Amino acid sequence: MYRLIALTVFSLLFLTIHSCKVDNVPPVNCDNVSDLTYNGAIGPIIKSSCAISGCHNSKASHGSLETYSQISPYLKDGTIQYYVVDLRYMPPSSHKLSSNDLQLIQCWLEAGYPEN
């Protein structure tokens, strides 16, 4: 009985993980990205996926990410790299970033996260 339950749970977990949408966007070449700055390519991604109602807007008790100065401490301490790029924990499932957006953010972080 326990084997059947364990097998069922494992099967459901396996199917859930492998049925997720795969984003088939070609890799971003960081050298070919124009305006890889917060005000250029990155700000719009943050504003549409992170600095929204219920997440990291001005009314959020857990920190606003509406401006470069507000996101800057999380860039410097590695929080953005860890939670957004490495773990892909943020943003939550309803606002997941595309592979292209994640790669742009990674390129931006590697470039020293310039504002302008």
Protein backbone atom coordinates (compact mmCIF):
# COMPACT_ATOMS: atom_id res chain seq x y z
CA MET A 1 0.00 0.00 0.00
CA TYR A 2 2.76 2.45 0.94
CA ARG A 3 4.62 1.60 -2.27
CA LEU A 4 1.55 2.42 -4.32
CA ILE A 5 1.10 5.76 -2.56
CA ALA A 6 4.80 6.60 -2.94
CA LEU A 7 4.74 5.62 -6.61
CA THR A 8 1.63 7.72 -7.22
CA VAL A 9 3.09 10.78 -5.49
CA PHE A 10 6.38 10.41 -7.35
CA SER A 11 4.57 10.01 -10.69
CA LEU A 12 2.45 13.10 -10.11
CA LEU A 13 5.49 15.12 -9.09
CA PHE A 14 7.41 13.92 -12.14
CA LEU A 15 4.55 14.75 -14.51
CA THR A 16 4.05 18.16 -12.92
CA ILE A 17 7.70 19.10 -13.26
CA HIS A 18 8.04 17.88 -16.83
CA SER A 19 4.79 19.32 -18.09
CA CYS A 20 5.82 22.90 -17.36
CA LYS A 21 6.14 25.19 -20.37
CA VAL A 22 9.64 25.33 -21.78
CA ASP A 23 10.64 28.72 -23.10
CA ASN A 24 12.49 28.09 -26.38
CA VAL A 25 14.12 31.51 -26.66
CA PRO A 26 17.67 31.44 -28.03
CA PRO A 27 20.37 32.49 -25.57
CA VAL A 28 21.10 36.18 -25.26
CA ASN A 29 24.58 37.23 -26.29
CA CYS A 30 25.44 39.89 -23.73
CA ASP A 31 27.75 41.63 -26.21
CA ASN A 32 24.88 42.21 -28.64
CA VAL A 33 22.38 43.75 -26.22
CA SER A 34 21.80 47.44 -26.76
CA ASP A 35 21.08 49.71 -23.81
CA LEU A 36 21.70 47.08 -21.14
CA THR A 37 20.91 49.48 -18.32
CA TYR A 38 18.20 49.74 -15.70
CA ASN A 39 16.59 52.66 -17.53
CA GLY A 40 16.93 50.87 -20.88
CA ALA A 41 16.25 47.14 -20.97
CA ILE A 42 15.89 46.11 -17.33
CA GLY A 43 13.58 48.67 -15.70
CA PRO A 44 10.59 47.69 -17.86
CA ILE A 45 11.08 44.01 -16.91
CA ILE A 46 11.24 44.85 -13.19
CA LYS A 47 8.27 47.23 -13.38
CA SER A 48 6.03 44.74 -15.20
CA SER A 49 6.96 41.63 -13.22
CA CYS A 50 8.16 42.74 -9.78
CA ALA A 51 7.07 46.29 -8.91
CA ILE A 52 3.38 45.47 -9.24
CA SER A 53 0.41 45.42 -6.90
CA GLY A 54 0.73 42.66 -4.36
CA CYS A 55 4.46 42.28 -4.91
CA HIS A 56 7.16 44.97 -4.67
CA ASN A 57 5.31 48.24 -5.24
CA SER A 58 5.18 51.26 -2.93
CA LYS A 59 2.50 49.64 -0.76
CA ALA A 60 4.49 46.46 -0.12
CA SER A 61 5.62 45.85 3.43
CA HIS A 62 8.49 43.69 2.15
CA GLY A 63 10.15 46.38 0.06
CA SER A 64 9.44 48.38 -3.07
CA LEU A 65 11.41 47.81 -6.27
CA GLU A 66 9.88 50.66 -8.26
CA THR A 67 13.10 52.65 -8.72
CA TYR A 68 16.77 51.95 -9.27
CA SER A 69 17.63 53.36 -5.84
CA GLN A 70 15.15 50.97 -4.23
CA ILE A 71 16.50 47.91 -6.03
CA SER A 72 20.16 48.91 -5.62
CA PRO A 73 20.70 47.44 -2.10
CA TYR A 74 19.39 44.08 -3.32
CA LEU A 75 21.77 44.20 -6.25
CA LYS A 76 24.77 44.95 -4.06
CA ASP A 77 24.05 42.20 -1.52
CA GLY A 78 23.36 39.55 -4.18
CA THR A 79 19.67 39.09 -3.35
CA ILE A 80 18.52 39.71 -6.92
CA GLN A 81 21.12 37.31 -8.33
CA TYR A 82 20.18 34.61 -5.81
CA TYR A 83 16.37 34.78 -5.79
CA VAL A 84 15.70 35.91 -9.37
CA VAL A 85 18.45 34.31 -11.47
CA ASP A 86 19.88 31.40 -9.47
CA LEU A 87 16.79 29.99 -7.73
CA ARG A 88 14.19 31.55 -10.04
CA TYR A 89 12.08 31.87 -6.90
CA MET A 90 11.06 35.41 -7.80
CA PRO A 91 8.84 36.56 -9.27
CA PRO A 92 6.22 34.00 -8.24
CA SER A 93 4.62 31.67 -10.74
CA SER A 94 1.93 34.08 -11.87
CA HIS A 95 4.58 36.53 -13.13
CA LYS A 96 7.47 34.23 -14.12
CA LEU A 97 10.15 35.78 -16.27
CA SER A 98 10.92 34.40 -19.71
CA SER A 99 14.32 32.83 -20.35
CA ASN A 100 15.17 35.88 -22.44
CA ASP A 101 14.35 38.27 -19.57
CA LEU A 102 16.34 36.14 -17.11
CA GLN A 103 19.32 36.17 -19.45
CA LEU A 104 19.07 39.94 -19.90
CA ILE A 105 19.04 40.37 -16.12
CA GLN A 106 22.05 38.05 -15.80
CA CYS A 107 23.94 40.07 -18.44
CA TRP A 108 23.02 43.29 -16.63
CA LEU A 109 24.23 41.92 -13.31
CA GLU A 110 27.51 40.77 -14.89
CA ALA A 111 27.95 44.25 -16.39
CA GLY A 112 27.76 45.79 -12.90
CA TYR A 113 24.01 46.67 -13.10
CA PRO A 114 24.36 50.17 -14.61
CA GLU A 115 21.50 52.60 -14.12
CA ASN A 116 21.92 54.69 -17.30
